[in-house]
Amino acid sequence: MSYAVKEMFLTLQGEGVQAGRRAVFVRFAGCNLWSGREQDRATAVCRFCDTDFIGTDGAGGGRFADATQLVAAAVDFWGEGLSERFVVLTGGEPMLQIDDALVEAFHHAGFTIAMESNGTLAAHPGIDWVCISPKAGSVVVQRQGDELKLVWPQPGSDVADLERWDFAHHLIQPLDSVDAVANHAAAIDLVMARPRWRLTLQAHKTLGLR
């Protein structure tokens, strides 16, 4: 199987429980909730998406013929040293492309694998850290994992129901939009009212990281 990757780069994880950790990000092309075309925005499930996941023309991106090629590129981005290798598989929707061969190749190269997904497809059982960011209006099948990250405010989200999902961490992330101040306040209010949740911020944007 070949893999379509929008971009790949070395950075620090900017949000969630793993924030601050050195990581190779692999952003897969494609998403099952939105075509990515501007004319489809009005009917998209997650209209607030701030990620370009269309095509393979981003820095470090491309079409990789097999898992060995993709992982070799990630190793090049990481550089020297086997210790603490960490890769974040994201998108778009990464579970459209993650398969046995890719998981095995990353593990063979010494990487811990994290994945950020919308949860509409079941996570591969070999992934080491599962982060699900549910989108209101979608059917989420992956209701367990390490980290549940809810972008807020998000009309139509059933917060009480999400609290019953089997995740080690329940996180609220303010929606990044022109209403950022109000969104931060709304996120803080939710955490203050429902202490099951913790606030997470997108530190990579503040720091000017990718």
N, C-alpha and C. Protein backbone atom coordinates (compact mmCIF):
# COMPACT_ATOMS: atom_id res chain seq x y z
N MET A 1 0.84 -1.20 0.00
CA MET A 1 0.00 0.00 0.00
C MET A 1 0.88 1.24 0.00
N SER A 2 0.50 2.24 -0.80
CA SER A 2 1.20 3.52 -0.79
C SER A 2 0.48 4.48 0.16
N TYR A 3 1.16 5.55 0.51
CA TYR A 3 0.63 6.49 1.49
C TYR A 3 0.73 7.91 0.95
N ALA A 4 -0.36 8.67 1.06
CA ALA A 4 -0.39 10.06 0.63
C ALA A 4 -0.22 10.96 1.85
N VAL A 5 0.86 11.72 1.86
CA VAL A 5 1.20 12.56 3.00
C VAL A 5 1.22 14.02 2.56
N LYS A 6 0.46 14.84 3.24
CA LYS A 6 0.44 16.27 2.93
C LYS A 6 1.74 16.94 3.33
N GLU A 7 2.22 16.67 4.54
CA GLU A 7 3.45 17.27 5.02
C GLU A 7 4.04 16.42 6.14
N MET A 8 5.35 16.59 6.35
CA MET A 8 6.04 15.91 7.43
C MET A 8 7.11 16.86 7.96
N PHE A 9 7.25 16.94 9.29
CA PHE A 9 8.21 17.88 9.86
C PHE A 9 8.52 17.52 11.30
N LEU A 10 9.65 18.03 11.78
CA LEU A 10 10.06 17.87 13.17
C LEU A 10 9.67 19.10 13.95
N THR A 11 9.05 18.91 15.11
CA THR A 11 8.58 20.03 15.90
C THR A 11 8.43 19.59 17.35
N LEU A 12 7.75 20.40 18.14
CA LEU A 12 7.30 20.01 19.48
C LEU A 12 5.79 19.84 19.44
N GLN A 13 5.30 18.78 20.07
CA GLN A 13 3.85 18.64 20.21
C GLN A 13 3.33 19.86 20.94
N GLY A 14 2.32 20.51 20.37
CA GLY A 14 1.89 21.79 20.92
C GLY A 14 0.67 21.74 21.80
N GLU A 15 -0.03 20.61 21.88
CA GLU A 15 -1.27 20.58 22.63
C GLU A 15 -1.49 19.20 23.25
N GLY A 16 -2.40 19.16 24.22
CA GLY A 16 -2.74 17.89 24.84
C GLY A 16 -1.75 17.46 25.91
N VAL A 17 -1.92 16.25 26.36
CA VAL A 17 -1.11 15.71 27.46
C VAL A 17 0.36 15.58 27.07
N GLN A 18 0.63 15.36 25.79
CA GLN A 18 2.01 15.20 25.32
C GLN A 18 2.66 16.53 24.93
N ALA A 19 2.05 17.66 25.26
CA ALA A 19 2.57 18.97 24.87
C ALA A 19 4.01 19.15 25.33
N GLY A 20 4.82 19.71 24.45
CA GLY A 20 6.22 19.97 24.74
C GLY A 20 7.15 18.87 24.32
N ARG A 21 6.63 17.74 23.86
CA ARG A 21 7.46 16.61 23.49
C ARG A 21 7.95 16.73 22.05
N ARG A 22 9.22 16.46 21.84
CA ARG A 22 9.79 16.47 20.50
C ARG A 22 9.12 15.38 19.68
N ALA A 23 8.74 15.72 18.45
CA ALA A 23 7.96 14.78 17.65
C ALA A 23 8.14 15.03 16.17
N VAL A 24 8.09 13.94 15.40
CA VAL A 24 7.92 14.04 13.96
C VAL A 24 6.43 13.98 13.68
N PHE A 25 5.92 15.00 12.99
CA PHE A 25 4.51 15.01 12.61
C PHE A 25 4.38 14.51 11.18
N VAL A 26 3.50 13.55 10.99
CA VAL A 26 3.15 13.05 9.66
C VAL A 26 1.68 13.38 9.44
N ARG A 27 1.43 14.35 8.55
CA ARG A 27 0.05 14.74 8.28
C ARG A 27 -0.42 14.07 6.99
N PHE A 28 -1.31 13.09 7.14
CA PHE A 28 -1.82 12.37 5.98
C PHE A 28 -2.81 13.23 5.20
N ALA A 29 -2.83 13.05 3.91
CA ALA A 29 -3.78 13.76 3.06
C ALA A 29 -5.15 13.08 3.15
N GLY A 30 -6.19 13.89 3.06
CA GLY A 30 -7.54 13.36 3.00
C GLY A 30 -8.25 13.30 4.33
N CYS A 31 -9.56 13.48 4.26
CA CYS A 31 -10.41 13.39 5.45
C CYS A 31 -11.79 12.90 5.02
N ASN A 32 -12.40 12.08 5.86
CA ASN A 32 -13.72 11.53 5.52
C ASN A 32 -14.87 12.42 5.96
N LEU A 33 -14.58 13.55 6.63
CA LEU A 33 -15.64 14.45 7.07
C LEU A 33 -15.77 15.71 6.22
N TRP A 34 -14.78 15.95 5.38
CA TRP A 34 -14.83 17.15 4.54
C TRP A 34 -13.92 16.93 3.35
N SER A 35 -14.37 17.26 2.18
CA SER A 35 -13.58 17.08 0.97
C SER A 35 -12.40 18.03 0.92
N GLY A 36 -12.49 19.14 1.68
CA GLY A 36 -11.42 20.13 1.63
C GLY A 36 -11.67 21.23 0.61
N ARG A 37 -12.71 21.08 -0.19
CA ARG A 37 -13.00 22.09 -1.19
C ARG A 37 -13.80 23.23 -0.55
N GLU A 38 -13.41 24.44 -0.85
CA GLU A 38 -14.05 25.61 -0.23
C GLU A 38 -15.55 25.61 -0.46
N GLN A 39 -15.99 25.14 -1.62
CA GLN A 39 -17.42 25.17 -1.93
C GLN A 39 -18.22 24.19 -1.08
N ASP A 40 -17.52 23.26 -0.39
CA ASP A 40 -18.22 22.30 0.46
C ASP A 40 -18.24 22.70 1.92
N ARG A 41 -17.66 23.86 2.25
CA ARG A 41 -17.53 24.25 3.65
C ARG A 41 -18.88 24.35 4.35
N ALA A 42 -19.88 24.86 3.66
CA ALA A 42 -21.19 25.09 4.28
C ALA A 42 -21.85 23.80 4.75
N THR A 43 -21.49 22.68 4.14
CA THR A 43 -22.11 21.41 4.52
C THR A 43 -21.16 20.48 5.27
N ALA A 44 -19.96 20.96 5.59
CA ALA A 44 -18.98 20.12 6.28
C ALA A 44 -19.40 19.86 7.71
N VAL A 45 -19.02 18.69 8.22
CA VAL A 45 -19.30 18.36 9.61
C VAL A 45 -18.50 19.26 10.54
N CYS A 46 -17.23 19.47 10.23
CA CYS A 46 -16.39 20.33 11.07
C CYS A 46 -15.98 21.56 10.26
N ARG A 47 -16.81 22.55 10.26
CA ARG A 47 -16.57 23.76 9.48
C ARG A 47 -15.38 24.56 9.99
N PHE A 48 -14.96 24.28 11.23
CA PHE A 48 -13.90 25.07 11.85
C PHE A 48 -12.51 24.53 11.58
N CYS A 49 -12.37 23.52 10.75
CA CYS A 49 -11.07 22.90 10.52
C CYS A 49 -10.06 23.96 10.05
N ASP A 50 -8.89 23.97 10.70
CA ASP A 50 -7.86 24.95 10.36
C ASP A 50 -6.65 24.29 9.70
N THR A 51 -6.82 23.09 9.17
CA THR A 51 -5.71 22.31 8.65
C THR A 51 -5.85 22.08 7.15
N ASP A 52 -4.76 22.29 6.42
CA ASP A 52 -4.73 21.98 4.99
C ASP A 52 -4.26 20.54 4.83
N PHE A 53 -5.17 19.66 4.45
CA PHE A 53 -4.84 18.25 4.30
C PHE A 53 -5.08 17.75 2.88
N ILE A 54 -5.18 18.68 1.93
CA ILE A 54 -5.47 18.32 0.56
C ILE A 54 -4.17 18.24 -0.24
N GLY A 55 -3.99 17.14 -0.93
CA GLY A 55 -2.83 16.98 -1.78
C GLY A 55 -1.60 16.49 -1.03
N THR A 56 -0.49 16.42 -1.75
CA THR A 56 0.77 15.92 -1.17
C THR A 56 1.91 16.91 -1.41
N ASP A 57 1.56 18.19 -1.56
CA ASP A 57 2.53 19.20 -1.96
C ASP A 57 3.13 20.00 -0.82
N GLY A 58 2.86 19.61 0.44
CA GLY A 58 3.43 20.33 1.57
C GLY A 58 4.88 19.95 1.79
N ALA A 59 5.56 20.72 2.62
CA ALA A 59 6.96 20.45 2.95
C ALA A 59 7.08 19.06 3.56
N GLY A 60 7.95 18.23 3.01
CA GLY A 60 8.13 16.87 3.51
C GLY A 60 7.07 15.90 3.06
N GLY A 61 6.08 16.38 2.32
CA GLY A 61 5.00 15.53 1.88
C GLY A 61 5.34 14.77 0.62
N GLY A 62 4.39 13.99 0.15
CA GLY A 62 4.59 13.23 -1.07
C GLY A 62 3.82 11.92 -1.04
N ARG A 63 3.99 11.15 -2.09
CA ARG A 63 3.40 9.82 -2.18
C ARG A 63 4.51 8.81 -1.89
N PHE A 64 4.35 8.07 -0.80
CA PHE A 64 5.35 7.09 -0.39
C PHE A 64 4.89 5.71 -0.83
N ALA A 65 5.76 5.01 -1.51
CA ALA A 65 5.39 3.74 -2.15
C ALA A 65 5.03 2.66 -1.15
N ASP A 66 5.67 2.70 0.02
CA ASP A 66 5.38 1.68 1.02
C ASP A 66 5.76 2.20 2.41
N ALA A 67 5.49 1.39 3.42
CA ALA A 67 5.74 1.81 4.80
C ALA A 67 7.22 2.05 5.06
N THR A 68 8.08 1.26 4.45
CA THR A 68 9.51 1.42 4.65
C THR A 68 9.98 2.80 4.20
N GLN A 69 9.49 3.27 3.07
CA GLN A 69 9.88 4.59 2.57
C GLN A 69 9.38 5.69 3.49
N LEU A 70 8.13 5.58 3.94
CA LEU A 70 7.57 6.63 4.80
C LEU A 70 8.33 6.71 6.12
N VAL A 71 8.58 5.57 6.73
CA VAL A 71 9.28 5.56 8.02
C VAL A 71 10.72 6.04 7.86
N ALA A 72 11.36 5.71 6.77
CA ALA A 72 12.72 6.20 6.52
C ALA A 72 12.75 7.72 6.46
N ALA A 73 11.72 8.32 5.87
CA ALA A 73 11.64 9.78 5.83
C ALA A 73 11.48 10.35 7.23
N ALA A 74 10.65 9.69 8.06
CA ALA A 74 10.46 10.15 9.44
C ALA A 74 11.76 10.03 10.23
N VAL A 75 12.52 8.97 10.00
CA VAL A 75 13.81 8.80 10.67
C VAL A 75 14.76 9.93 10.29
N ASP A 76 14.76 10.32 9.02
CA ASP A 76 15.61 11.42 8.57
C ASP A 76 15.23 12.72 9.27
N PHE A 77 13.94 12.96 9.46
CA PHE A 77 13.51 14.17 10.17
C PHE A 77 13.94 14.13 11.63
N TRP A 78 13.85 12.95 12.25
CA TRP A 78 14.22 12.85 13.67
C TRP A 78 15.71 13.09 13.86
N GLY A 79 16.51 12.55 12.99
CA GLY A 79 17.95 12.71 13.11
C GLY A 79 18.58 11.62 13.95
N GLU A 80 19.74 11.90 14.47
CA GLU A 80 20.51 10.89 15.19
C GLU A 80 19.83 10.52 16.51
N GLY A 81 20.10 9.30 16.93
CA GLY A 81 19.61 8.83 18.23
C GLY A 81 18.34 8.03 18.14
N LEU A 82 18.33 6.92 18.84
CA LEU A 82 17.14 6.06 18.89
C LEU A 82 16.24 6.38 20.08
N SER A 83 16.79 7.03 21.09
CA SER A 83 16.05 7.25 22.33
C SER A 83 14.88 8.21 22.13
N GLU A 84 13.74 7.86 22.69
CA GLU A 84 12.56 8.72 22.75
C GLU A 84 12.00 9.09 21.38
N ARG A 85 12.23 8.29 20.37
CA ARG A 85 11.62 8.59 19.07
C ARG A 85 10.10 8.60 19.20
N PHE A 86 9.50 9.65 18.68
CA PHE A 86 8.06 9.87 18.85
C PHE A 86 7.50 10.42 17.55
N VAL A 87 6.47 9.78 17.03
CA VAL A 87 5.82 10.24 15.81
C VAL A 87 4.35 10.47 16.08
N VAL A 88 3.81 11.54 15.51
CA VAL A 88 2.38 11.85 15.61
C VAL A 88 1.78 11.71 14.23
N LEU A 89 0.85 10.78 14.09
CA LEU A 89 0.16 10.54 12.83
C LEU A 89 -1.17 11.29 12.88
N THR A 90 -1.34 12.24 11.98
CA THR A 90 -2.50 13.11 12.03
C THR A 90 -3.00 13.36 10.62
N GLY A 91 -3.90 14.29 10.46
CA GLY A 91 -4.45 14.57 9.14
C GLY A 91 -5.10 15.93 9.09
N GLY A 92 -6.23 16.04 8.36
CA GLY A 92 -7.04 15.00 7.82
C GLY A 92 -7.42 13.90 8.81
N GLU A 93 -7.72 12.75 8.25
CA GLU A 93 -8.06 11.58 9.06
C GLU A 93 -7.05 10.46 8.82
N PRO A 94 -6.13 10.26 9.78
CA PRO A 94 -5.05 9.30 9.57
C PRO A 94 -5.50 7.85 9.44
N MET A 95 -6.62 7.48 10.07
CA MET A 95 -7.02 6.07 10.02
C MET A 95 -7.52 5.65 8.64
N LEU A 96 -7.63 6.58 7.69
CA LEU A 96 -7.89 6.21 6.31
C LEU A 96 -6.70 5.49 5.70
N GLN A 97 -5.51 5.66 6.30
CA GLN A 97 -4.29 5.11 5.70
C GLN A 97 -3.45 4.25 6.64
N ILE A 98 -3.57 4.42 7.93
CA ILE A 98 -2.75 3.63 8.85
C ILE A 98 -3.11 2.15 8.75
N ASP A 99 -2.10 1.31 8.61
CA ASP A 99 -2.33 -0.12 8.49
C ASP A 99 -1.25 -0.90 9.25
N ASP A 100 -1.34 -2.22 9.21
CA ASP A 100 -0.39 -3.07 9.94
C ASP A 100 1.05 -2.78 9.54
N ALA A 101 1.29 -2.67 8.25
CA ALA A 101 2.66 -2.48 7.77
C ALA A 101 3.28 -1.20 8.32
N LEU A 102 2.49 -0.14 8.36
CA LEU A 102 3.02 1.14 8.83
C LEU A 102 3.30 1.10 10.33
N VAL A 103 2.37 0.56 11.09
CA VAL A 103 2.56 0.47 12.54
C VAL A 103 3.79 -0.39 12.85
N GLU A 104 3.92 -1.51 12.18
CA GLU A 104 5.06 -2.39 12.42
C GLU A 104 6.38 -1.72 12.04
N ALA A 105 6.38 -0.97 10.95
CA ALA A 105 7.60 -0.30 10.51
C ALA A 105 8.04 0.79 11.48
N PHE A 106 7.08 1.56 11.98
CA PHE A 106 7.43 2.60 12.96
C PHE A 106 7.96 1.97 14.25
N HIS A 107 7.32 0.94 14.71
CA HIS A 107 7.79 0.28 15.93
C HIS A 107 9.17 -0.34 15.72
N HIS A 108 9.38 -0.92 14.57
CA HIS A 108 10.69 -1.52 14.27
C HIS A 108 11.79 -0.45 14.28
N ALA A 109 11.45 0.77 13.90
CA ALA A 109 12.41 1.87 13.88
C ALA A 109 12.53 2.55 15.25
N GLY A 110 11.82 2.04 16.25
CA GLY A 110 11.96 2.55 17.60
C GLY A 110 11.06 3.71 17.96
N PHE A 111 10.04 3.97 17.14
CA PHE A 111 9.14 5.09 17.41
C PHE A 111 7.98 4.66 18.33
N THR A 112 7.63 5.53 19.26
CA THR A 112 6.34 5.48 19.92
C THR A 112 5.36 6.20 19.00
N ILE A 113 4.20 5.59 18.76
CA ILE A 113 3.24 6.13 17.79
C ILE A 113 2.06 6.77 18.51
N ALA A 114 1.85 8.05 18.23
CA ALA A 114 0.63 8.74 18.66
C ALA A 114 -0.22 9.03 17.44
N MET A 115 -1.52 9.06 17.62
CA MET A 115 -2.43 9.35 16.52
C MET A 115 -3.49 10.33 16.98
N GLU A 116 -3.81 11.28 16.11
CA GLU A 116 -4.89 12.24 16.35
C GLU A 116 -5.96 12.02 15.29
N SER A 117 -7.17 11.65 15.73
CA SER A 117 -8.21 11.18 14.81
C SER A 117 -9.57 11.78 15.20
N ASN A 118 -10.49 11.80 14.22
CA ASN A 118 -11.85 12.24 14.54
C ASN A 118 -12.69 11.12 15.16
N GLY A 119 -12.16 9.90 15.18
CA GLY A 119 -12.84 8.80 15.86
C GLY A 119 -13.92 8.11 15.07
N THR A 120 -14.13 8.50 13.83
CA THR A 120 -15.18 7.85 13.03
C THR A 120 -14.74 6.51 12.46
N LEU A 121 -13.46 6.21 12.57
CA LEU A 121 -12.91 4.92 12.17
C LEU A 121 -12.18 4.32 13.36
N ALA A 122 -12.26 3.03 13.54
CA ALA A 122 -11.61 2.39 14.69
C ALA A 122 -10.10 2.57 14.61
N ALA A 123 -9.49 2.84 15.75
CA ALA A 123 -8.04 3.02 15.82
C ALA A 123 -7.34 1.68 15.66
N HIS A 124 -6.20 1.70 15.01
CA HIS A 124 -5.39 0.49 14.90
C HIS A 124 -4.92 0.07 16.30
N PRO A 125 -5.04 -1.20 16.66
CA PRO A 125 -4.70 -1.62 18.03
C PRO A 125 -3.23 -1.46 18.39
N GLY A 126 -2.35 -1.28 17.39
CA GLY A 126 -0.94 -1.13 17.69
C GLY A 126 -0.50 0.28 18.01
N ILE A 127 -1.40 1.24 17.90
CA ILE A 127 -1.05 2.63 18.19
C ILE A 127 -0.86 2.81 19.70
N ASP A 128 0.20 3.51 20.07
CA ASP A 128 0.56 3.62 21.49
C ASP A 128 -0.21 4.70 22.23
N TRP A 129 -0.58 5.78 21.54
CA TRP A 129 -1.28 6.89 22.18
C TRP A 129 -2.41 7.33 21.24
N VAL A 130 -3.64 7.13 21.67
CA VAL A 130 -4.81 7.44 20.84
C VAL A 130 -5.47 8.71 21.35
N CYS A 131 -5.47 9.74 20.50
CA CYS A 131 -6.16 11.00 20.79
C CYS A 131 -7.33 11.12 19.83
N ILE A 132 -8.53 11.28 20.38
CA ILE A 132 -9.74 11.42 19.57
C ILE A 132 -10.32 12.82 19.78
N SER A 133 -10.58 13.50 18.67
CA SER A 133 -11.22 14.82 18.72
C SER A 133 -12.57 14.72 18.01
N PRO A 134 -13.63 14.47 18.76
CA PRO A 134 -14.93 14.23 18.14
C PRO A 134 -15.53 15.49 17.54
N LYS A 135 -16.22 15.32 16.43
CA LYS A 135 -16.88 16.43 15.76
C LYS A 135 -18.38 16.24 15.85
N ALA A 136 -19.09 17.24 16.36
CA ALA A 136 -20.54 17.15 16.51
C ALA A 136 -21.18 16.84 15.17
N GLY A 137 -22.10 15.89 15.17
CA GLY A 137 -22.79 15.49 13.95
C GLY A 137 -22.19 14.28 13.28
N SER A 138 -21.01 13.84 13.74
CA SER A 138 -20.39 12.63 13.18
C SER A 138 -20.69 11.44 14.08
N VAL A 139 -20.53 10.25 13.55
CA VAL A 139 -20.74 9.02 14.32
C VAL A 139 -19.37 8.51 14.77
N VAL A 140 -19.10 8.64 16.05
CA VAL A 140 -17.80 8.25 16.59
C VAL A 140 -17.86 6.80 17.05
N VAL A 141 -16.97 5.98 16.52
CA VAL A 141 -16.92 4.56 16.90
C VAL A 141 -15.78 4.28 17.87
N GLN A 142 -14.75 5.15 17.87
CA GLN A 142 -13.62 4.96 18.77
C GLN A 142 -13.88 5.76 20.05
N ARG A 143 -14.49 5.09 21.03
CA ARG A 143 -14.90 5.77 22.26
C ARG A 143 -14.04 5.39 23.45
N GLN A 144 -12.83 4.96 23.18
CA GLN A 144 -11.87 4.71 24.24
C GLN A 144 -10.48 5.04 23.74
N GLY A 145 -9.60 5.37 24.66
CA GLY A 145 -8.25 5.73 24.27
C GLY A 145 -7.55 6.46 25.39
N ASP A 146 -6.54 7.22 25.02
CA ASP A 146 -5.74 7.93 26.00
C ASP A 146 -6.24 9.36 26.23
N GLU A 147 -6.67 10.00 25.17
CA GLU A 147 -6.94 11.43 25.24
C GLU A 147 -8.15 11.78 24.39
N LEU A 148 -9.18 12.34 25.02
CA LEU A 148 -10.33 12.87 24.31
C LEU A 148 -10.20 14.38 24.30
N LYS A 149 -10.12 14.97 23.12
CA LYS A 149 -9.89 16.41 22.99
C LYS A 149 -11.07 17.05 22.27
N LEU A 150 -11.85 17.81 23.00
CA LEU A 150 -13.04 18.44 22.45
C LEU A 150 -12.77 19.91 22.16
N VAL A 151 -12.86 20.29 20.89
CA VAL A 151 -12.75 21.70 20.52
C VAL A 151 -14.03 22.40 20.96
N TRP A 152 -13.85 23.59 21.60
CA TRP A 152 -15.00 24.25 22.22
C TRP A 152 -14.96 25.75 22.00
N PRO A 153 -16.14 26.39 21.78
CA PRO A 153 -17.48 25.79 21.76
C PRO A 153 -17.76 25.07 20.44
N GLN A 154 -18.57 24.02 20.55
CA GLN A 154 -18.93 23.21 19.39
C GLN A 154 -20.40 22.81 19.54
N PRO A 155 -21.31 23.62 19.01
CA PRO A 155 -22.74 23.34 19.15
C PRO A 155 -23.08 21.92 18.70
N GLY A 156 -23.94 21.29 19.48
CA GLY A 156 -24.35 19.93 19.16
C GLY A 156 -23.58 18.86 19.90
N SER A 157 -22.53 19.25 20.63
CA SER A 157 -21.75 18.27 21.40
C SER A 157 -22.45 17.95 22.71
N ASP A 158 -22.57 16.68 23.01
CA ASP A 158 -23.18 16.23 24.26
C ASP A 158 -22.06 15.97 25.27
N VAL A 159 -21.74 16.99 26.04
CA VAL A 159 -20.60 16.91 26.95
C VAL A 159 -20.80 15.82 28.00
N ALA A 160 -22.01 15.71 28.52
CA ALA A 160 -22.29 14.70 29.54
C ALA A 160 -22.06 13.30 28.99
N ASP A 161 -22.46 13.07 27.74
CA ASP A 161 -22.23 11.76 27.13
C ASP A 161 -20.74 11.51 26.92
N LEU A 162 -20.01 12.52 26.47
CA LEU A 162 -18.58 12.38 26.24
C LEU A 162 -17.85 12.03 27.53
N GLU A 163 -18.33 12.50 28.64
CA GLU A 163 -17.70 12.19 29.92
C GLU A 163 -17.75 10.71 30.26
N ARG A 164 -18.70 10.00 29.66
CA ARG A 164 -18.83 8.57 29.93
C ARG A 164 -17.93 7.72 29.04
N TRP A 165 -17.31 8.33 28.05
CA TRP A 165 -16.41 7.57 27.18
C TRP A 165 -15.15 7.21 27.93
N ASP A 166 -14.54 6.10 27.56
CA ASP A 166 -13.43 5.52 28.33
C ASP A 166 -12.08 6.08 27.88
N PHE A 167 -11.78 7.29 28.35
CA PHE A 167 -10.50 7.92 28.07
C PHE A 167 -9.79 8.29 29.37
N ALA A 168 -8.46 8.19 29.35
CA ALA A 168 -7.69 8.53 30.54
C ALA A 168 -7.72 10.03 30.81
N HIS A 169 -7.84 10.83 29.74
CA HIS A 169 -7.81 12.29 29.87
C HIS A 169 -8.92 12.89 29.02
N HIS A 170 -9.68 13.81 29.62
CA HIS A 170 -10.72 14.56 28.91
C HIS A 170 -10.27 16.02 28.84
N LEU A 171 -10.05 16.52 27.62
CA LEU A 171 -9.48 17.84 27.43
C LEU A 171 -10.42 18.74 26.63
N ILE A 172 -10.42 20.01 27.01
CA ILE A 172 -11.17 21.05 26.29
C ILE A 172 -10.16 21.98 25.63
N GLN A 173 -10.29 22.17 24.33
CA GLN A 173 -9.40 23.07 23.59
C GLN A 173 -10.21 24.20 22.96
N PRO A 174 -9.92 25.45 23.30
CA PRO A 174 -10.68 26.56 22.72
C PRO A 174 -10.57 26.59 21.20
N LEU A 175 -11.68 26.83 20.55
CA LEU A 175 -11.73 26.95 19.10
C LEU A 175 -10.89 28.15 18.67
N ASP A 176 -10.00 27.93 17.70
CA ASP A 176 -9.15 28.99 17.16
C ASP A 176 -9.91 29.69 16.05
N SER A 177 -10.43 30.87 16.37
CA SER A 177 -11.20 31.63 15.39
C SER A 177 -11.10 33.11 15.72
N VAL A 178 -11.83 33.93 14.98
CA VAL A 178 -11.82 35.37 15.24
C VAL A 178 -12.43 35.69 16.61
N ASP A 179 -13.18 34.75 17.16
CA ASP A 179 -13.78 34.93 18.49
C ASP A 179 -12.93 34.26 19.58
N ALA A 180 -11.62 34.31 19.43
CA ALA A 180 -10.72 33.58 20.32
C ALA A 180 -10.92 33.94 21.78
N VAL A 181 -11.10 35.21 22.09
CA VAL A 181 -11.25 35.63 23.49
C VAL A 181 -12.51 34.99 24.10
N ALA A 182 -13.61 35.06 23.38
CA ALA A 182 -14.86 34.46 23.86
C ALA A 182 -14.74 32.95 23.95
N ASN A 183 -14.04 32.34 23.00
CA ASN A 183 -13.89 30.89 23.02
C ASN A 183 -13.04 30.43 24.20
N HIS A 184 -12.00 31.19 24.51
CA HIS A 184 -11.19 30.86 25.69
C HIS A 184 -12.05 30.94 26.95
N ALA A 185 -12.86 31.99 27.04
CA ALA A 185 -13.71 32.15 28.22
C ALA A 185 -14.72 31.02 28.32
N ALA A 186 -15.29 30.61 27.19
CA ALA A 186 -16.26 29.51 27.19
C ALA A 186 -15.60 28.21 27.63
N ALA A 187 -14.38 27.97 27.17
CA ALA A 187 -13.67 26.75 27.55
C ALA A 187 -13.35 26.74 29.04
N ILE A 188 -12.92 27.88 29.54
CA ILE A 188 -12.63 27.98 30.98
C ILE A 188 -13.89 27.76 31.79
N ASP A 189 -14.99 28.35 31.37
CA ASP A 189 -16.26 28.19 32.08
C ASP A 189 -16.67 26.72 32.13
N LEU A 190 -16.48 26.01 31.02
CA LEU A 190 -16.86 24.60 31.01
C LEU A 190 -16.03 23.79 31.99
N VAL A 191 -14.73 24.04 32.01
CA VAL A 191 -13.86 23.29 32.93
C VAL A 191 -14.19 23.63 34.38
N MET A 192 -14.49 24.88 34.64
CA MET A 192 -14.84 25.27 36.00
C MET A 192 -16.15 24.62 36.45
N ALA A 193 -17.06 24.43 35.49
CA ALA A 193 -18.35 23.82 35.83
C ALA A 193 -18.30 22.31 35.86
N ARG A 194 -17.36 21.72 35.08
CA ARG A 194 -17.29 20.26 34.94
C ARG A 194 -15.83 19.83 35.11
N PRO A 195 -15.39 19.59 36.33
CA PRO A 195 -13.97 19.32 36.59
C PRO A 195 -13.45 18.00 36.04
N ARG A 196 -14.31 17.22 35.39
CA ARG A 196 -13.81 16.03 34.69
C ARG A 196 -12.86 16.44 33.56
N TRP A 197 -13.02 17.68 33.09
CA TRP A 197 -12.27 18.17 31.94
C TRP A 197 -11.08 19.01 32.37
N ARG A 198 -10.07 19.08 31.51
CA ARG A 198 -8.92 19.93 31.70
C ARG A 198 -8.73 20.80 30.47
N LEU A 199 -8.22 22.00 30.67
CA LEU A 199 -7.99 22.93 29.57
C LEU A 199 -6.67 22.61 28.87
N THR A 200 -6.68 22.61 27.55
CA THR A 200 -5.44 22.50 26.78
C THR A 200 -5.41 23.63 25.76
N LEU A 201 -4.24 24.22 25.57
CA LEU A 201 -4.07 25.32 24.63
C LEU A 201 -3.11 24.91 23.52
N GLN A 202 -3.20 25.58 22.39
CA GLN A 202 -2.33 25.27 21.25
C GLN A 202 -1.04 26.08 21.37
N ALA A 203 -0.14 25.58 22.20
CA ALA A 203 1.09 26.31 22.50
C ALA A 203 1.97 26.49 21.27
N HIS A 204 1.89 25.57 20.31
CA HIS A 204 2.74 25.69 19.13
C HIS A 204 2.42 26.95 18.32
N LYS A 205 1.14 27.38 18.35
CA LYS A 205 0.77 28.60 17.64
C LYS A 205 1.32 29.83 18.36
N THR A 206 1.26 29.82 19.67
CA THR A 206 1.81 30.91 20.45
C THR A 206 3.32 31.04 20.25
N LEU A 207 3.99 29.89 20.15
CA LEU A 207 5.45 29.87 20.02
C LEU A 207 5.93 30.01 18.58
N GLY A 208 5.00 30.01 17.64
CA GLY A 208 5.39 30.13 16.23
C GLY A 208 5.94 28.87 15.64
N LEU A 209 5.55 27.70 16.23
CA LEU A 209 5.99 26.41 15.70
C LEU A 209 4.94 25.86 14.74
N ARG A 210 5.34 24.91 13.92
CA ARG A 210 4.40 24.27 13.00
C ARG A 210 3.55 23.27 13.78
